[in-house]
N, C-alpha and C. Protein backbone atom coordinates (compact mmCIF):
# COMPACT_ATOMS: atom_id res chain seq x y z
N MET A 1 -14.44 -0.80 8.45
CA MET A 1 -13.37 -1.66 8.91
C MET A 1 -12.64 -0.94 10.03
N THR A 2 -12.39 -1.65 11.10
CA THR A 2 -11.63 -1.07 12.20
C THR A 2 -10.15 -1.25 11.94
N MET A 3 -9.35 -0.60 12.78
CA MET A 3 -7.91 -0.65 12.61
C MET A 3 -7.36 -2.07 12.70
N HIS A 4 -8.01 -2.93 13.45
CA HIS A 4 -7.50 -4.27 13.63
C HIS A 4 -8.23 -5.31 12.79
N ASP A 5 -9.22 -4.92 12.03
CA ASP A 5 -9.97 -5.85 11.19
C ASP A 5 -9.31 -5.89 9.81
N THR A 6 -8.23 -6.67 9.69
CA THR A 6 -7.47 -6.68 8.45
C THR A 6 -7.40 -8.04 7.78
N GLY A 7 -7.99 -9.05 8.38
CA GLY A 7 -7.83 -10.39 7.84
C GLY A 7 -8.58 -10.66 6.56
N SER A 8 -9.61 -9.92 6.24
CA SER A 8 -10.42 -10.22 5.07
C SER A 8 -10.47 -9.05 4.09
N ILE A 9 -9.33 -8.46 3.82
CA ILE A 9 -9.27 -7.35 2.88
C ILE A 9 -9.40 -7.90 1.47
N PRO A 10 -10.41 -7.47 0.73
CA PRO A 10 -10.54 -7.95 -0.64
C PRO A 10 -9.46 -7.34 -1.53
N THR A 11 -8.91 -8.14 -2.43
CA THR A 11 -7.91 -7.64 -3.37
C THR A 11 -8.63 -7.00 -4.53
N ARG A 12 -8.27 -5.75 -4.80
CA ARG A 12 -8.88 -5.02 -5.91
C ARG A 12 -7.96 -5.15 -7.12
N GLN A 13 -8.38 -5.97 -8.08
CA GLN A 13 -7.57 -6.23 -9.25
C GLN A 13 -7.27 -4.95 -10.02
N SER A 14 -8.22 -4.04 -10.09
CA SER A 14 -8.00 -2.79 -10.82
C SER A 14 -6.88 -1.97 -10.16
N LEU A 15 -6.82 -1.99 -8.83
CA LEU A 15 -5.74 -1.28 -8.14
C LEU A 15 -4.40 -1.93 -8.46
N LEU A 16 -4.33 -3.25 -8.44
CA LEU A 16 -3.08 -3.93 -8.73
C LEU A 16 -2.57 -3.59 -10.13
N GLU A 17 -3.47 -3.50 -11.08
CA GLU A 17 -3.07 -3.13 -12.44
C GLU A 17 -2.51 -1.71 -12.49
N ARG A 18 -3.13 -0.79 -11.76
CA ARG A 18 -2.66 0.60 -11.76
C ARG A 18 -1.32 0.76 -11.06
N LEU A 19 -0.97 -0.17 -10.17
CA LEU A 19 0.29 -0.07 -9.44
C LEU A 19 1.50 -0.40 -10.31
N LYS A 20 1.27 -0.87 -11.50
CA LYS A 20 2.38 -1.12 -12.41
C LYS A 20 3.04 0.19 -12.86
N ASP A 21 2.35 1.30 -12.64
CA ASP A 21 2.88 2.64 -12.93
C ASP A 21 3.47 3.22 -11.65
N TRP A 22 4.79 3.28 -11.56
CA TRP A 22 5.47 3.78 -10.36
C TRP A 22 5.07 5.21 -10.03
N GLU A 23 4.69 5.97 -11.03
CA GLU A 23 4.36 7.38 -10.84
C GLU A 23 2.94 7.60 -10.31
N ASN A 24 2.19 6.55 -10.17
CA ASN A 24 0.81 6.66 -9.72
C ASN A 24 0.77 6.73 -8.18
N HIS A 25 1.12 7.88 -7.66
CA HIS A 25 1.28 8.06 -6.21
C HIS A 25 -0.01 7.85 -5.43
N ASP A 26 -1.13 8.28 -5.99
CA ASP A 26 -2.41 8.13 -5.28
C ASP A 26 -2.75 6.66 -5.08
N ASP A 27 -2.55 5.85 -6.10
CA ASP A 27 -2.88 4.43 -5.97
C ASP A 27 -1.86 3.70 -5.11
N TRP A 28 -0.60 4.09 -5.14
CA TRP A 28 0.38 3.49 -4.23
C TRP A 28 0.03 3.83 -2.79
N ARG A 29 -0.45 5.04 -2.54
CA ARG A 29 -0.87 5.43 -1.19
C ARG A 29 -2.07 4.57 -0.78
N ALA A 30 -3.01 4.36 -1.69
CA ALA A 30 -4.18 3.54 -1.39
C ALA A 30 -3.76 2.10 -1.08
N PHE A 31 -2.80 1.57 -1.83
CA PHE A 31 -2.29 0.22 -1.58
C PHE A 31 -1.66 0.14 -0.20
N PHE A 32 -0.81 1.11 0.12
CA PHE A 32 -0.16 1.14 1.44
C PHE A 32 -1.20 1.23 2.54
N ASP A 33 -2.14 2.16 2.38
CA ASP A 33 -3.17 2.36 3.41
C ASP A 33 -4.03 1.11 3.60
N THR A 34 -4.21 0.34 2.55
CA THR A 34 -5.03 -0.87 2.63
C THR A 34 -4.30 -2.03 3.30
N TYR A 35 -3.01 -2.19 3.03
CA TYR A 35 -2.30 -3.41 3.42
C TYR A 35 -1.31 -3.28 4.57
N TRP A 36 -0.89 -2.07 4.95
CA TRP A 36 0.17 -1.98 5.95
C TRP A 36 -0.24 -2.60 7.28
N ARG A 37 -1.49 -2.42 7.69
CA ARG A 37 -1.92 -2.97 8.97
C ARG A 37 -1.88 -4.51 8.99
N LEU A 38 -2.27 -5.11 7.89
CA LEU A 38 -2.22 -6.56 7.77
C LEU A 38 -0.78 -7.06 7.89
N ILE A 39 0.12 -6.42 7.17
CA ILE A 39 1.54 -6.81 7.21
C ILE A 39 2.10 -6.61 8.62
N HIS A 40 1.79 -5.46 9.21
CA HIS A 40 2.28 -5.12 10.55
C HIS A 40 1.75 -6.13 11.57
N ALA A 41 0.47 -6.43 11.53
CA ALA A 41 -0.12 -7.36 12.48
C ALA A 41 0.47 -8.76 12.32
N THR A 42 0.72 -9.17 11.10
CA THR A 42 1.32 -10.48 10.85
C THR A 42 2.72 -10.56 11.44
N ALA A 43 3.49 -9.48 11.29
CA ALA A 43 4.84 -9.44 11.85
C ALA A 43 4.80 -9.50 13.37
N LEU A 44 3.86 -8.78 13.98
CA LEU A 44 3.74 -8.82 15.45
C LEU A 44 3.34 -10.20 15.93
N LYS A 45 2.41 -10.84 15.21
CA LYS A 45 1.97 -12.20 15.58
C LYS A 45 3.10 -13.21 15.46
N ALA A 46 4.06 -12.91 14.58
CA ALA A 46 5.21 -13.80 14.41
C ALA A 46 6.26 -13.59 15.51
N GLY A 47 5.99 -12.65 16.40
CA GLY A 47 6.87 -12.45 17.54
C GLY A 47 7.85 -11.30 17.41
N LEU A 48 7.73 -10.50 16.37
CA LEU A 48 8.62 -9.36 16.22
C LEU A 48 8.18 -8.21 17.10
N GLY A 49 9.13 -7.34 17.43
CA GLY A 49 8.81 -6.14 18.19
C GLY A 49 8.27 -5.06 17.28
N GLU A 50 7.84 -3.96 17.86
CA GLU A 50 7.23 -2.87 17.08
C GLU A 50 8.16 -2.34 16.00
N SER A 51 9.40 -2.03 16.33
CA SER A 51 10.31 -1.45 15.32
C SER A 51 10.62 -2.47 14.23
N GLU A 52 10.74 -3.74 14.61
CA GLU A 52 10.98 -4.78 13.61
C GLU A 52 9.76 -4.94 12.69
N ALA A 53 8.57 -4.86 13.26
CA ALA A 53 7.35 -4.97 12.47
C ALA A 53 7.26 -3.81 11.47
N GLN A 54 7.65 -2.63 11.89
CA GLN A 54 7.65 -1.48 10.98
C GLN A 54 8.65 -1.69 9.84
N GLU A 55 9.80 -2.28 10.16
CA GLU A 55 10.78 -2.58 9.12
C GLU A 55 10.24 -3.61 8.13
N VAL A 56 9.51 -4.59 8.65
CA VAL A 56 8.90 -5.59 7.78
C VAL A 56 7.93 -4.93 6.81
N VAL A 57 7.12 -4.00 7.32
CA VAL A 57 6.19 -3.28 6.44
C VAL A 57 6.96 -2.59 5.32
N GLN A 58 8.04 -1.91 5.67
CA GLN A 58 8.86 -1.23 4.66
C GLN A 58 9.41 -2.21 3.63
N GLU A 59 9.97 -3.30 4.11
CA GLU A 59 10.58 -4.28 3.21
C GLU A 59 9.54 -4.93 2.29
N VAL A 60 8.37 -5.23 2.83
CA VAL A 60 7.32 -5.83 2.00
C VAL A 60 6.86 -4.85 0.94
N MET A 61 6.70 -3.59 1.30
CA MET A 61 6.27 -2.57 0.32
C MET A 61 7.33 -2.38 -0.76
N ILE A 62 8.60 -2.40 -0.38
CA ILE A 62 9.67 -2.28 -1.38
C ILE A 62 9.65 -3.49 -2.32
N ALA A 63 9.51 -4.68 -1.74
CA ALA A 63 9.45 -5.89 -2.56
C ALA A 63 8.24 -5.87 -3.49
N ALA A 64 7.11 -5.41 -2.98
CA ALA A 64 5.90 -5.31 -3.82
C ALA A 64 6.12 -4.34 -4.96
N ALA A 65 6.74 -3.20 -4.68
CA ALA A 65 6.99 -2.21 -5.72
C ALA A 65 7.88 -2.78 -6.82
N LYS A 66 8.82 -3.61 -6.44
CA LYS A 66 9.73 -4.21 -7.42
C LYS A 66 9.06 -5.32 -8.23
N LYS A 67 8.15 -6.07 -7.58
CA LYS A 67 7.59 -7.26 -8.22
C LYS A 67 6.20 -7.08 -8.82
N LEU A 68 5.45 -6.08 -8.40
CA LEU A 68 4.08 -5.94 -8.90
C LEU A 68 3.99 -5.77 -10.41
N PRO A 69 4.95 -5.12 -11.06
CA PRO A 69 4.82 -5.02 -12.53
C PRO A 69 4.72 -6.38 -13.23
N GLU A 70 5.29 -7.43 -12.64
CA GLU A 70 5.22 -8.75 -13.27
C GLU A 70 4.17 -9.66 -12.64
N PHE A 71 3.53 -9.21 -11.56
CA PHE A 71 2.53 -10.01 -10.87
C PHE A 71 1.27 -10.13 -11.71
N ARG A 72 0.78 -11.35 -11.85
CA ARG A 72 -0.47 -11.61 -12.57
C ARG A 72 -1.47 -12.17 -11.57
N TYR A 73 -2.46 -11.37 -11.25
CA TYR A 73 -3.46 -11.79 -10.26
C TYR A 73 -4.49 -12.68 -10.91
N GLU A 74 -4.61 -13.89 -10.40
CA GLU A 74 -5.60 -14.85 -10.88
C GLU A 74 -6.42 -15.29 -9.67
N PRO A 75 -7.59 -14.66 -9.43
CA PRO A 75 -8.36 -14.90 -8.21
C PRO A 75 -8.65 -16.38 -7.91
N GLY A 76 -8.85 -17.19 -8.90
CA GLY A 76 -9.15 -18.59 -8.67
C GLY A 76 -7.93 -19.42 -8.29
N LYS A 77 -6.75 -18.91 -8.57
CA LYS A 77 -5.53 -19.69 -8.36
C LYS A 77 -4.70 -19.20 -7.17
N ASP A 78 -4.71 -17.92 -6.91
CA ASP A 78 -3.84 -17.40 -5.87
C ASP A 78 -4.45 -16.14 -5.26
N SER A 79 -3.72 -15.58 -4.31
CA SER A 79 -4.17 -14.34 -3.70
C SER A 79 -2.96 -13.43 -3.53
N LEU A 80 -3.23 -12.16 -3.38
CA LEU A 80 -2.15 -11.22 -3.14
C LEU A 80 -1.49 -11.54 -1.81
N LYS A 81 -2.29 -11.88 -0.80
CA LYS A 81 -1.73 -12.20 0.52
C LYS A 81 -0.86 -13.45 0.43
N GLY A 82 -1.26 -14.42 -0.34
CA GLY A 82 -0.45 -15.63 -0.50
C GLY A 82 0.84 -15.37 -1.24
N TRP A 83 0.79 -14.45 -2.14
CA TRP A 83 1.97 -14.07 -2.91
C TRP A 83 2.96 -13.43 -2.01
């Protein structure tokens, strides 16, 4: 995958389950490394500037950290990106 090829990132259900543990730094790093480019690119496409896009990445990651413990991934019904 190239740096800009972020539109079709598969959601790894096993990773999402492991993220319910705040202390699991390796998996949180993997989550960030997987999704930050997608979030950043979406913010830029929405017309935000670079610093604003970086802030959006931070805010989305903070929101994910707060909400992932209650998130129930159901591949047939929803997606992480849609959430």
